[in-house]
C-alpha atoms as a PDB file:
ATOM      1  CA  MET A   1      97.906  16.871  64.309  1.00  0.00           C
ATOM      2  CA  THR A   2      97.146  20.334  63.378  1.00  0.00           C
ATOM      3  CA  PHE A   3      93.590  21.549  64.552  1.00  0.00           C
ATOM      4  CA  ASP A   4      91.269  24.301  63.546  1.00  0.00           C
ATOM      5  CA  TYR A   5      90.192  25.852  66.830  1.00  0.00           C
ATOM      6  CA  GLY A   6      87.280  27.609  64.933  1.00  0.00           C
ATOM      7  CA  LEU A   7      85.443  24.153  65.040  1.00  0.00           C
ATOM      8  CA  LEU A   8      85.138  24.923  68.510  1.00  0.00           C
ATOM      9  CA  ALA A   9      83.206  28.266  67.709  1.00  0.00           C
ATOM     10  CA  LYS A  10      81.251  26.060  65.061  1.00  0.00           C
ATOM     11  CA  TYR A  11      80.336  23.603  67.547  1.00  0.00           C
ATOM     12  CA  LEU A  12      78.904  26.501  70.067  1.00  0.00           C
ATOM     13  CA  ALA A  13      76.887  28.104  67.193  1.00  0.00           C
ATOM     14  CA  GLY A  14      75.206  24.706  66.062  1.00  0.00           C
ATOM     15  CA  ASP A  15      77.012  24.892  62.662  1.00  0.00           C
ATOM     16  CA  ILE A  16      79.387  22.117  62.567  1.00  0.00           C
ATOM     17  CA  SER A  17      79.233  19.077  60.278  1.00  0.00           C
ATOM     18  CA  SER A  18      79.354  15.239  61.098  1.00  0.00           C
ATOM     19  CA  ASP A  19      82.901  14.987  59.777  1.00  0.00           C
ATOM     20  CA  GLU A  20      83.741  18.140  61.732  1.00  0.00           C
ATOM     21  CA  MET A  21      82.436  17.020  64.935  1.00  0.00           C
ATOM     22  CA  GLU A  22      84.768  13.514  64.559  1.00  0.00           C
ATOM     23  CA  GLU A  23      87.969  15.852  64.098  1.00  0.00           C
ATOM     24  CA  VAL A  24      87.042  17.452  67.127  1.00  0.00           C
ATOM     25  CA  ILE A  25      86.528  14.438  68.943  1.00  0.00           C
ATOM     26  CA  ASP A  26      89.869  13.161  67.647  1.00  0.00           C
ATOM     27  CA  TRP A  27      91.460  16.184  68.885  1.00  0.00           C
ATOM     28  CA  SER A  28      89.847  15.955  72.386  1.00  0.00           C
ATOM     29  CA  ASN A  29      91.110  12.396  72.810  1.00  0.00           C
ATOM     30  CA  LEU A  30      94.738  13.729  72.264  1.00  0.00           C
ATOM     31  CA  SER A  31      95.356  14.844  75.459  1.00  0.00           C
ATOM     32  CA  SER A  32      93.836  15.495  79.155  1.00  0.00           C
ATOM     33  CA  GLU A  33      94.497  19.326  78.068  1.00  0.00           C
ATOM     34  CA  ASN A  34      92.440  19.173  75.116  1.00  0.00           C
ATOM     35  CA  LYS A  35      89.540  16.965  76.872  1.00  0.00           C
ATOM     36  CA  LYS A  36      89.368  19.873  79.873  1.00  0.00           C
ATOM     37  CA  ILE A  37      89.038  22.386  77.048  1.00  0.00           C
ATOM     38  CA  PHE A  38      86.300  20.379  74.942  1.00  0.00           C
ATOM     39  CA  SER A  39      84.412  19.709  78.449  1.00  0.00           C
ATOM     40  CA  GLU A  40      84.317  23.435  79.424  1.00  0.00           C
ATOM     41  CA  VAL A  41      82.973  24.242  75.683  1.00  0.00           C
ATOM     42  CA  MET A  42      80.378  21.564  75.750  1.00  0.00           C
ATOM     43  CA  ARG A  43      79.043  22.538  78.840  1.00  0.00           C
ATOM     44  CA  LEU A  44      78.857  26.130  77.731  1.00  0.00           C
ATOM     45  CA  HIS A  45      77.234  24.689  74.599  1.00  0.00           C
ATOM     46  CA  VAL A  46      74.302  22.823  76.692  1.00  0.00           C
ATOM     47  CA  SER A  47      73.914  25.468  79.298  1.00  0.00           C
ATOM     48  CA  TRP A  48      70.775  27.422  79.601  1.00  0.00           C
ATOM     49  CA  ASP A  49      72.658  30.540  78.880  1.00  0.00           C
ATOM     50  CA  THR A  50      73.704  29.335  75.339  1.00  0.00           C
ATOM     51  CA  ILE A  51      69.772  30.427  74.250  1.00  0.00           C
ATOM     52  CA  ARG A  52      70.582  34.130  75.724  1.00  0.00           C
ATOM     53  CA  TYR A  53      73.423  35.087  73.517  1.00  0.00           C
ATOM     54  CA  LYS A  54      72.281  38.477  71.087  1.00  0.00           C
ATOM     55  CA  ASP A  55      75.347  39.770  70.358  1.00  0.00           C
ATOM     56  CA  THR A  56      79.153  39.262  70.440  1.00  0.00           C
ATOM     57  CA  ALA A  57      79.398  40.588  73.822  1.00  0.00           C
ATOM     58  CA  PHE A  58      77.538  37.904  75.548  1.00  0.00           C
ATOM     59  CA  VAL A  59      79.822  35.552  73.786  1.00  0.00           C
ATOM     60  CA  ASP A  60      82.466  37.296  75.425  1.00  0.00           C
ATOM     61  CA  GLN A  61      81.681  37.216  78.623  1.00  0.00           C
ATOM     62  CA  ALA A  62      80.413  33.532  78.524  1.00  0.00           C
ATOM     63  CA  LEU A  63      83.647  32.338  77.054  1.00  0.00           C
ATOM     64  CA  MET A  64      85.498  34.331  79.568  1.00  0.00           C
ATOM     65  CA  GLU A  65      83.683  32.233  82.182  1.00  0.00           C
ATOM     66  CA  VAL A  66      85.135  29.011  80.316  1.00  0.00           C
ATOM     67  CA  ASN A  67      88.675  30.852  80.790  1.00  0.00           C
ATOM     68  CA  LYS A  68      88.536  30.979  84.417  1.00  0.00           C
ATOM     69  CA  LYS A  69      87.992  27.238  84.631  1.00  0.00           C
ATOM     70  CA  ILE A  70      90.864  26.469  82.663  1.00  0.00           C
ATOM     71  CA  ASP A  71      94.758  26.851  84.205  1.00  0.00           C
ATOM     72  CA  GLY A  72      97.434  27.824  82.020  1.00  0.00           C
ATOM     73  CA  LEU A  73      98.181  30.741  79.834  1.00  0.00           C
ATOM     74  CA  SER A  74      98.588  28.575  76.580  1.00  0.00           C
ATOM     75  CA  ARG A  75      94.550  27.258  76.902  1.00  0.00           C
ATOM     76  CA  LYS A  76      93.529  30.967  77.699  1.00  0.00           C
ATOM     77  CA  ARG A  77      95.199  32.037  74.558  1.00  0.00           C
ATOM     78  CA  LEU A  78      93.641  28.943  72.628  1.00  0.00           C
ATOM     79  CA  LEU A  79      90.061  30.096  73.917  1.00  0.00           C
ATOM     80  CA  HIS A  80      90.625  33.497  72.954  1.00  0.00           C
ATOM     81  CA  LYS A  81      91.058  32.442  69.425  1.00  0.00           C
ATOM     82  CA  VAL A  82      87.955  30.537  69.762  1.00  0.00           C
ATOM     83  CA  MET A  83      86.042  33.557  71.227  1.00  0.00           C
ATOM     84  CA  GLN A  84      87.152  35.386  67.961  1.00  0.00           C
ATOM     85  CA  TYR A  85      85.555  32.925  65.967  1.00  0.00           C
ATOM     86  CA  ALA A  86      82.533  32.178  67.917  1.00  0.00           C
ATOM     87  CA  ALA A  87      81.809  36.072  67.927  1.00  0.00           C
ATOM     88  CA  VAL A  88      81.615  36.217  64.193  1.00  0.00           C
ATOM     89  CA  LEU A  89      79.987  33.004  63.734  1.00  0.00           C
ATOM     90  CA  LEU A  90      77.078  34.161  66.159  1.00  0.00           C
ATOM     91  CA  PHE A  91      77.164  37.607  65.223  1.00  0.00           C
ATOM     92  CA  LEU A  92      76.004  36.254  61.588  1.00  0.00           C
ATOM     93  CA  PHE A  93      73.660  34.122  62.646  1.00  0.00           C
ATOM     94  CA  PHE A  94      71.988  36.347  65.182  1.00  0.00           C
ATOM     95  CA  SER A  95      71.933  39.083  62.378  1.00  0.00           C
ATOM     96  CA  SER A  96      69.659  36.672  60.181  1.00  0.00           C
ATOM     97  CA  TYR A  97      65.995  36.278  60.466  1.00  0.00           C
ATOM     98  CA  GLY A  98      66.362  32.643  61.913  1.00  0.00           C
ATOM     99  CA  GLY A  99      68.596  33.784  64.647  1.00  0.00           C
ATOM    100  CA  TYR A 100      65.981  36.358  65.328  1.00  0.00           C
ATOM    101  CA  LYS A 101      63.032  34.294  65.647  1.00  0.00           C
ATOM    102  CA  TYR A 102      64.926  31.622  67.783  1.00  0.00           C
ATOM    103  CA  PHE A 103      66.127  34.184  70.437  1.00  0.00           C
ATOM    104  CA  LYS A 104      63.467  36.948  70.256  1.00  0.00           C
ATOM    105  CA  SER A 105      61.944  35.573  73.482  1.00  0.00           C
ATOM    106  CA  GLU A 106      62.346  37.216  76.975  1.00  0.00           C
ATOM    107  CA  THR A 107      64.708  36.734  79.545  1.00  0.00           C
ATOM    108  CA  PRO A 108      63.820  33.318  81.225  1.00  0.00           C
ATOM    109  CA  ILE A 109      62.464  33.635  84.812  1.00  0.00           C
ATOM    110  CA  SER A 110      64.535  31.986  87.433  1.00  0.00           C
ATOM    111  CA  ILE A 111      63.319  30.557  90.667  1.00  0.00           C
ATOM    112  CA  VAL A 112      65.364  29.905  93.417  1.00  0.00           C
ATOM    113  CA  VAL A 113      64.779  27.871  96.781  1.00  0.00           C
ATOM    114  CA  LYS A 114      67.222  28.742  99.298  1.00  0.00           C
ATOM    115  CA  PRO A 115      68.528  25.796 101.518  1.00  0.00           C
ATOM    116  CA  GLY A 116      66.014  24.873 104.384  1.00  0.00           C
ATOM    117  CA  ILE A 117      63.053  26.557 102.978  1.00  0.00           C
ATOM    118  CA  ASP A 118      60.030  24.440 102.210  1.00  0.00           C
ATOM    119  CA  ILE A 119      58.978  23.021  98.916  1.00  0.00           C
ATOM    120  CA  LYS A 120      57.828  25.420  96.391  1.00  0.00           C
ATOM    121  CA  LYS A 121      55.477  24.606  93.686  1.00  0.00           C
ATOM    122  CA  VAL A 122      55.657  26.194  90.203  1.00  0.00           C
ATOM    123  CA  VAL A 123      53.090  26.048  87.341  1.00  0.00           C
ATOM    124  CA  LEU A 124      54.765  26.450  84.049  1.00  0.00           C
ATOM    125  CA  ALA A 125      52.835  27.737  81.026  1.00  0.00           C
ATOM    126  CA  ASP A 126      52.017  24.692  79.394  1.00  0.00           C
ATOM    127  CA  GLY A 127      50.483  23.263  82.768  1.00  0.00           C
ATOM    128  CA  THR A 128      53.330  21.403  83.762  1.00  0.00           C
ATOM    129  CA  SER A 129      53.962  21.181  87.580  1.00  0.00           C
ATOM    130  CA  VAL A 130      57.159  21.499  89.335  1.00  0.00           C
ATOM    131  CA  TRP A 131      58.022  20.970  93.023  1.00  0.00           C
ATOM    132  CA  LEU A 132      61.432  22.342  94.004  1.00  0.00           C
ATOM    133  CA  LYS A 133      63.558  21.302  96.952  1.00  0.00           C
ATOM    134  CA  GLY A 134      65.306  23.686  98.990  1.00  0.00           C
ATOM    135  CA  GLY A 135      68.657  24.490  97.544  1.00  0.00           C
ATOM    136  CA  SER A 136      67.461  24.109  94.051  1.00  0.00           C
ATOM    137  CA  THR A 137      66.929  26.513  90.967  1.00  0.00           C
ATOM    138  CA  LEU A 138      64.906  26.295  88.039  1.00  0.00           C
ATOM    139  CA  LYS A 139      64.810  28.436  84.869  1.00  0.00           C
ATOM    140  CA  TYR A 140      62.075  28.677  82.410  1.00  0.00           C
ATOM    141  CA  PRO A 141      60.642  30.725  79.683  1.00  0.00           C
ATOM    142  CA  LYS A 142      57.507  32.922  80.417  1.00  0.00           C
ATOM    143  CA  SER A 143      55.763  30.910  77.485  1.00  0.00           C
ATOM    144  CA  PHE A 144      57.139  27.891  75.292  1.00  0.00           C
ATOM    145  CA  SER A 145      57.192  27.903  71.682  1.00  0.00           C
ATOM    146  CA  ASN A 146      55.740  25.287  69.151  1.00  0.00           C
ATOM    147  CA  GLU A 147      59.214  24.084  68.915  1.00  0.00           C
ATOM    148  CA  SER A 148      60.214  23.622  72.194  1.00  0.00           C
ATOM    149  CA  ARG A 149      59.549  23.212  75.881  1.00  0.00           C
ATOM    150  CA  GLN A 150      62.718  23.457  77.829  1.00  0.00           C
ATOM    151  CA  VAL A 151      63.823  24.065  81.432  1.00  0.00           C
ATOM    152  CA  SER A 152      67.034  24.011  82.961  1.00  0.00           C
ATOM    153  CA  LEU A 153      67.470  22.654  86.593  1.00  0.00           C
ATOM    154  CA  GLN A 154      70.147  22.806  89.361  1.00  0.00           C
ATOM    155  CA  GLY A 155      69.233  20.786  92.721  1.00  0.00           C
ATOM    156  CA  GLU A 156      66.537  18.597  92.918  1.00  0.00           C
ATOM    157  CA  ALA A 157      62.801  18.701  91.469  1.00  0.00           C
ATOM    158  CA  PHE A 158      59.731  16.670  90.883  1.00  0.00           C
ATOM    159  CA  PHE A 159      58.276  17.267  87.586  1.00  0.00           C
ATOM    160  CA  GLU A 160      54.590  16.160  86.320  1.00  0.00           C
ATOM    161  CA  VAL A 161      54.675  17.120  82.907  1.00  0.00           C
ATOM    162  CA  THR A 162      51.626  17.913  80.848  1.00  0.00           C
ATOM    163  CA  LYS A 163      51.163  16.606  77.481  1.00  0.00           C
ATOM    164  CA  ASN A 164      51.268  19.278  74.992  1.00  0.00           C
ATOM    165  CA  MET A 165      48.298  18.608  72.689  1.00  0.00           C
ATOM    166  CA  LYS A 166      48.496  21.489  70.369  1.00  0.00           C
ATOM    167  CA  THR A 167      52.188  21.073  69.290  1.00  0.00           C
ATOM    168  CA  GLN A 168      54.732  17.847  69.128  1.00  0.00           C
ATOM    169  CA  ALA A 169      57.049  19.926  71.502  1.00  0.00           C
ATOM    170  CA  LEU A 170      58.608  17.473  73.674  1.00  0.00           C
ATOM    171  CA  PHE A 171      59.498  18.736  77.442  1.00  0.00           C
ATOM    172  CA  ASN A 172      63.472  18.897  77.926  1.00  0.00           C
ATOM    173  CA  VAL A 173      64.908  19.299  81.397  1.00  0.00           C
ATOM    174  CA  PHE A 174      68.528  20.658  81.281  1.00  0.00           C
ATOM    175  CA  THR A 175      71.143  20.001  83.531  1.00  0.00           C
ATOM    176  CA  ASP A 176      75.022  20.735  83.621  1.00  0.00           C
ATOM    177  CA  TYR A 177      75.837  16.950  82.720  1.00  0.00           C
ATOM    178  CA  ASN A 178      73.149  15.631  80.603  1.00  0.00           C
ATOM    179  CA  THR A 179      69.559  16.216  79.148  1.00  0.00           C
ATOM    180  CA  ILE A 180      66.075  14.562  80.158  1.00  0.00           C
ATOM    181  CA  GLN A 181      63.595  14.406  77.397  1.00  0.00           C
ATOM    182  CA  VAL A 182      60.230  13.794  78.419  1.00  0.00           C
ATOM    183  CA  ARG A 183      57.074  12.624  76.619  1.00  0.00           C
ATOM    184  CA  GLY A 184      54.261  13.413  79.313  1.00  0.00           C
ATOM    185  CA  THR A 185      55.096  12.028  82.803  1.00  0.00           C
ATOM    186  CA  SER A 186      56.023  12.261  86.348  1.00  0.00           C
ATOM    187  CA  PHE A 187      59.688  11.978  87.430  1.00  0.00           C
ATOM    188  CA  ASP A 188      62.385  13.264  90.016  1.00  0.00           C
ATOM    189  CA  VAL A 189      65.616  14.936  88.949  1.00  0.00           C
ATOM    190  CA  LYS A 190      68.557  15.489  91.612  1.00  0.00           C
ATOM    191  CA  VAL A 191      71.608  17.178  90.332  1.00  0.00           C
ATOM    192  CA  ASP A 192      74.398  17.034  92.878  1.00  0.00           C
ATOM    193  CA  GLU A 193      77.125  19.559  91.944  1.00  0.00           C
ATOM    194  CA  LYS A 194      79.521  18.404  94.476  1.00  0.00           C
ATOM    195  CA  ASN A 195      79.777  15.071  92.658  1.00  0.00           C
ATOM    196  CA  LYS A 196      79.007  16.274  89.500  1.00  0.00           C
ATOM    197  CA  THR A 197      76.120  13.121  89.076  1.00  0.00           C
ATOM    198  CA  VAL A 198      72.531  13.563  87.980  1.00  0.00           C
ATOM    199  CA  GLU A 199      69.813  11.182  89.613  1.00  0.00           C
ATOM    200  CA  THR A 200      66.546  10.480  87.717  1.00  0.00           C
ATOM    201  CA  ILE A 201      63.572   8.437  89.146  1.00  0.00           C
ATOM    202  CA  LEU A 202      60.674   7.737  86.903  1.00  0.00           C
ATOM    203  CA  VAL A 203      57.418   7.520  88.482  1.00  0.00           C
ATOM    204  CA  SER A 204      54.967   6.948  85.413  1.00  0.00           C
ATOM    205  CA  GLY A 205      55.376   7.569  81.610  1.00  0.00           C
ATOM    206  CA  ARG A 206      58.382   7.721  79.345  1.00  0.00           C
ATOM    207  CA  ILE A 207      61.810   9.718  79.471  1.00  0.00           C
ATOM    208  CA  GLU A 208      65.114   9.392  77.427  1.00  0.00           C
ATOM    209  CA  MET A 209      68.418  10.231  78.730  1.00  0.00           C
ATOM    210  CA  LEU A 210      70.307  12.099  76.337  1.00  0.00           C
ATOM    211  CA  ASP A 211      74.407  13.053  76.303  1.00  0.00           C
ATOM    212  CA  MET A 212      75.586  16.740  76.123  1.00  0.00           C
ATOM    213  CA  GLU A 213      75.689  16.217  72.260  1.00  0.00           C
ATOM    214  CA  ARG A 214      71.979  15.583  72.688  1.00  0.00           C
ATOM    215  CA  ASN A 215      72.290  12.145  71.227  1.00  0.00           C
ATOM    216  CA  LYS A 216      69.931   9.654  72.831  1.00  0.00           C
ATOM    217  CA  VAL A 217      71.629   7.292  75.610  1.00  0.00           C
ATOM    218  CA  MET A 218      68.796   5.131  77.007  1.00  0.00           C
ATOM    219  CA  ASP A 219      65.196   4.833  77.593  1.00  0.00           C
ATOM    220  CA  VAL A 220      63.881   4.549  81.435  1.00  0.00           C
ATOM    221  CA  SER A 221      61.167   2.551  82.578  1.00  0.00           C
ATOM    222  CA  PRO A 222      58.784   3.470  85.626  1.00  0.00           C
ATOM    223  CA  GLY A 223      60.402   2.503  88.780  1.00  0.00           C
ATOM    224  CA  GLU A 224      63.896   2.905  87.636  1.00  0.00           C
ATOM    225  CA  LYS A 225      66.440   4.926  88.865  1.00  0.00           C
ATOM    226  CA  VAL A 226      69.159   6.058  86.695  1.00  0.00           C
ATOM    227  CA  THR A 227      72.403   7.866  87.822  1.00  0.00           C
ATOM    228  CA  TYR A 228      74.844   9.580  85.730  1.00  0.00           C
ATOM    229  CA  SER A 229      78.515  10.243  86.806  1.00  0.00           C
ATOM    230  CA  TYR A 230      79.871  13.053  84.670  1.00  0.00           C
ATOM    231  CA  ASN A 231      83.237  12.290  86.077  1.00  0.00           C
ATOM    232  CA  GLU A 232      82.979   8.654  84.908  1.00  0.00           C
ATOM    233  CA  ASN A 233      80.989   9.374  82.143  1.00  0.00           C
ATOM    234  CA  GLU A 234      78.678   6.511  83.125  1.00  0.00           C
ATOM    235  CA  TYR A 235      75.245   5.681  83.758  1.00  0.00           C
ATOM    236  CA  THR A 236      73.906   2.834  86.161  1.00  0.00           C
ATOM    237  CA  THR A 237      70.241   1.882  86.983  1.00  0.00           C
ATOM    238  CA  GLU A 238      68.395   0.130  89.856  1.00  0.00           C
ATOM    239  CA  ALA A 239      64.909  -0.611  90.852  1.00  0.00           C
ATOM    240  CA  VAL A 240      63.632   1.398  93.591  1.00  0.00           C
ATOM    241  CA  ASP A 241      60.426   2.071  95.840  1.00  0.00           C
ATOM    242  CA  ILE A 242      59.120   5.279  93.973  1.00  0.00           C
ATOM    243  CA  ASN A 243      56.756   5.864  96.867  1.00  0.00           C
ATOM    244  CA  ILE A 244      59.659   6.275  99.154  1.00  0.00           C
ATOM    245  CA  GLN A 245      62.200   7.600  96.940  1.00  0.00           C
ATOM    246  CA  THR A 246      59.854  10.885  95.958  1.00  0.00           C
ATOM    247  CA  ALA A 247      57.773  11.275  98.747  1.00  0.00           C
ATOM    248  CA  TRP A 248      59.406  14.398  99.470  1.00  0.00           C
ATOM    249  CA  TRP A 249      57.709  16.283  97.226  1.00  0.00           C
ATOM    250  CA  LEU A 250      54.215  15.327  98.806  1.00  0.00           C
ATOM    251  CA  ARG A 251      55.892  16.537 102.064  1.00  0.00           C
ATOM    252  CA  GLN A 252      55.971  13.066 103.651  1.00  0.00           C
ATOM    253  CA  PHE A 253      58.358  11.251 106.002  1.00  0.00           C
ATOM    254  CA  VAL A 254      58.575   7.850 104.881  1.00  0.00           C
ATOM    255  CA  PHE A 255      60.490   5.448 107.119  1.00  0.00           C
ATOM    256  CA  GLU A 256      61.288   2.023 105.599  1.00  0.00           C
ATOM    257  CA  ASN A 257      62.506  -0.396 108.219  1.00  0.00           C
ATOM    258  CA  THR A 258      63.640   2.465 110.426  1.00  0.00           C
ATOM    259  CA  THR A 259      64.787   2.656 114.092  1.00  0.00           C
ATOM    260  CA  LEU A 260      62.995   4.494 116.572  1.00  0.00           C
ATOM    261  CA  ARG A 261      65.996   6.181 117.506  1.00  0.00           C
ATOM    262  CA  GLU A 262      66.170   7.894 113.731  1.00  0.00           C
ATOM    263  CA  ILE A 263      62.421   8.519 113.611  1.00  0.00           C
ATOM    264  CA  VAL A 264      62.515  10.651 117.009  1.00  0.00           C
ATOM    265  CA  ASN A 265      65.745  12.415 115.796  1.00  0.00           C
ATOM    266  CA  LYS A 266      63.709  13.793 112.627  1.00  0.00           C
ATOM    267  CA  LEU A 267      61.038  14.647 114.994  1.00  0.00           C
ATOM    268  CA  SER A 268      63.067  16.225 117.267  1.00  0.00           C
ATOM    269  CA  VAL A 269      64.460  18.797 114.760  1.00  0.00           C
ATOM    270  CA  LYS A 270      60.956  19.337 113.337  1.00  0.00           C
ATOM    271  CA  PHE A 271      59.044  19.977 116.537  1.00  0.00           C
ATOM    272  CA  ASN A 272      62.012  21.397 118.298  1.00  0.00           C
ATOM    273  CA  VAL A 273      61.548  19.090 121.480  1.00  0.00           C
ATOM    274  CA  ASN A 274      63.676  16.622 123.511  1.00  0.00           C
ATOM    275  CA  ILE A 275      62.545  12.996 123.039  1.00  0.00           C
ATOM    276  CA  ASN A 276      63.634  10.538 125.630  1.00  0.00           C
ATOM    277  CA  ILE A 277      63.594   7.106 124.677  1.00  0.00           C
ATOM    278  CA  GLU A 278      63.318   4.254 127.772  1.00  0.00           C
ATOM    279  CA  SER A 279      65.937   1.740 126.803  1.00  0.00           C
ATOM    280  CA  SER A 280      68.454   1.237 123.923  1.00  0.00           C
ATOM    281  CA  ALA A 281      66.484  -1.896 123.089  1.00  0.00           C
ATOM    282  CA  LEU A 282      63.543   0.164 122.288  1.00  0.00           C
ATOM    283  CA  ALA A 283      65.370   2.785 120.548  1.00  0.00           C
ATOM    284  CA  GLN A 284      66.765   0.156 118.086  1.00  0.00           C
ATOM    285  CA  ARG A 285      63.317  -1.278 117.259  1.00  0.00           C
ATOM    286  CA  LYS A 286      62.507  -0.697 113.603  1.00  0.00           C
ATOM    287  CA  PHE A 287      59.118   1.012 111.914  1.00  0.00           C
ATOM    288  CA  ARG A 288      57.933   1.067 108.774  1.00  0.00           C
ATOM    289  CA  CYS A 289      55.368   3.846 108.070  1.00  0.00           C
ATOM    290  CA  VAL A 290      54.220   7.337 106.449  1.00  0.00           C
ATOM    291  CA  ILE A 291      54.110  10.424 108.117  1.00  0.00           C
ATOM    292  CA  ASN A 292      52.861  13.393 106.777  1.00  0.00           C
ATOM    293  CA  GLU A 293      54.968  16.613 107.465  1.00  0.00           C
ATOM    294  CA  ASP A 294      51.975  18.973 108.393  1.00  0.00           C
ATOM    295  CA  GLU A 295      50.807  16.191 110.996  1.00  0.00           C
ATOM    296  CA  GLU A 296      51.155  17.653 114.819  1.00  0.00           C
ATOM    297  CA  LEU A 297      53.560  15.816 117.021  1.00  0.00           C
ATOM    298  CA  VAL A 298      50.638  13.958 119.231  1.00  0.00           C
ATOM    299  CA  ASP A 299      49.340  12.511 115.864  1.00  0.00           C
ATOM    300  CA  ILE A 300      52.445  11.066 115.169  1.00  0.00           C
ATOM    301  CA  LEU A 301      53.056   9.913 118.711  1.00  0.00           C
ATOM    302  CA  ASN A 302      49.728   8.361 118.671  1.00  0.00           C
ATOM    303  CA  LEU A 303      50.526   6.439 115.218  1.00  0.00           C
ATOM    304  CA  LEU A 304      53.824   4.991 116.520  1.00  0.00           C
ATOM    305  CA  GLU A 305      51.851   4.107 119.642  1.00  0.00           C
ATOM    306  CA  TYR A 306      49.388   1.922 117.352  1.00  0.00           C
ATOM    307  CA  LEU A 307      52.180   0.477 115.380  1.00  0.00           C
ATOM    308  CA  ALA A 308      54.275  -1.102 118.580  1.00  0.00           C
ATOM    309  CA  PRO A 309      53.548  -1.935 122.044  1.00  0.00           C
ATOM    310  CA  ILE A 310      54.699   1.673 123.702  1.00  0.00           C
ATOM    311  CA  ARG A 311      53.396   4.454 125.228  1.00  0.00           C
ATOM    312  CA  TYR A 312      54.677   8.397 125.367  1.00  0.00           C
ATOM    313  CA  LYS A 313      54.253  11.260 127.966  1.00  0.00           C
ATOM    314  CA  VAL A 314      54.722  14.880 126.961  1.00  0.00           C
ATOM    315  CA  GLU A 315      55.798  17.461 129.199  1.00  0.00           C
ATOM    316  CA  GLY A 316      56.406  20.773 127.714  1.00  0.00           C
ATOM    317  CA  LYS A 317      59.659  20.245 125.532  1.00  0.00           C
ATOM    318  CA  GLU A 318      60.058  16.872 126.782  1.00  0.00           C
ATOM    319  CA  VAL A 319      58.662  13.907 125.311  1.00  0.00           C
ATOM    320  CA  PHE A 320      59.092  10.540 126.914  1.00  0.00           C
ATOM    321  CA  ILE A 321      58.598   7.145 125.045  1.00  0.00           C
ATOM    322  CA  TYR A 322      58.669   3.997 127.109  1.00  0.00           C
ATOM    323  CA  GLU A 323      57.371   0.221 126.827  1.00  0.00           C
ATOM    324  CA  LEU A 324      53.878  -0.490 127.145  1.00  0.00           C
ATOM    325  CA  ASN A 325      54.398  -2.985 129.891  1.00  0.00           C
ATOM    326  CA  LYS A 326      56.728  -0.383 131.813  1.00  0.00           C
ATOM    327  CA  ARG A 327      56.104   1.780 134.526  1.00  0.00           C
ATOM    328  CA  MET A 328      55.659   5.412 133.305  1.00  0.00           C
ATOM    329  CA  PRO A 329      58.561   7.570 134.315  1.00  0.00           C
ATOM    330  CA  MET A 330      57.908  10.147 137.091  1.00  0.00           C
ATOM    331  CA  ILE A 331      58.398  13.731 135.634  1.00  0.00           C
ATOM    332  CA  LYS A 332      59.734  16.327 137.734  1.00  0.00           C
END
């Protein structure tokens, strides 16, 4: 089939009809090469940076990034043609009053939490609270418009979204692979860039999963975990214990049927101590408990002592745990 690559530019500019979109989909299904091209164009279309293109230079730069991800001279030539179409279309759009009105907002704020850094809380302009895990990035505008409340996420974050009483603007969380549309709720989102998956856990309220075309895929119920695989283009759901799955933002360690060995390994790292367990049988004893991260080591050991027939002794950087009916080890 003869394909007009200018349709990809029209798709980028949001100026494509349903019939033209069907033509694009049919073309993308003709070969793996076409699928790869369209996949990269879709990723560009839904990315946060799409709403920042104010002139043709931005368009050229963005599509060149797409080029870098696609091997083969022929494909680069195709995308160069797309760039030419897109530059013209977006230039016309931004020259209009509508384009100016939509893109006149300031450069978005970017919050980056480095790996290994503690949780960071961010309060957005509408009162929505976001807790970011180490290794995560959140992009959001300084203020939201009456038509839109949109943020972009990489990594993991817990959201408590405020209902917007002044407007009907829904809250949207964009990832590189899908969109979560929110209607006043609390939920956790984890974007795994390595495996190209997005895990969403709904704690309360209502959210909808949208695909990269902003089409509704499914509703999510409280207590459900939805995992989207970009490679497989599949959604899977499962019921989870939200108190355990989302405890991290409360700065808690949640141990569910966890061995004493696993618990002390985490405590050893957190408090920089060496914890010795008297026997392998004791090390395999399982616990179910919630521990606040700001608690002192002695308080946690007292809790474990209360939950099971054990005793402990602390000597500097060494901690000894033994069964209650056993004699305390000699400390040299």
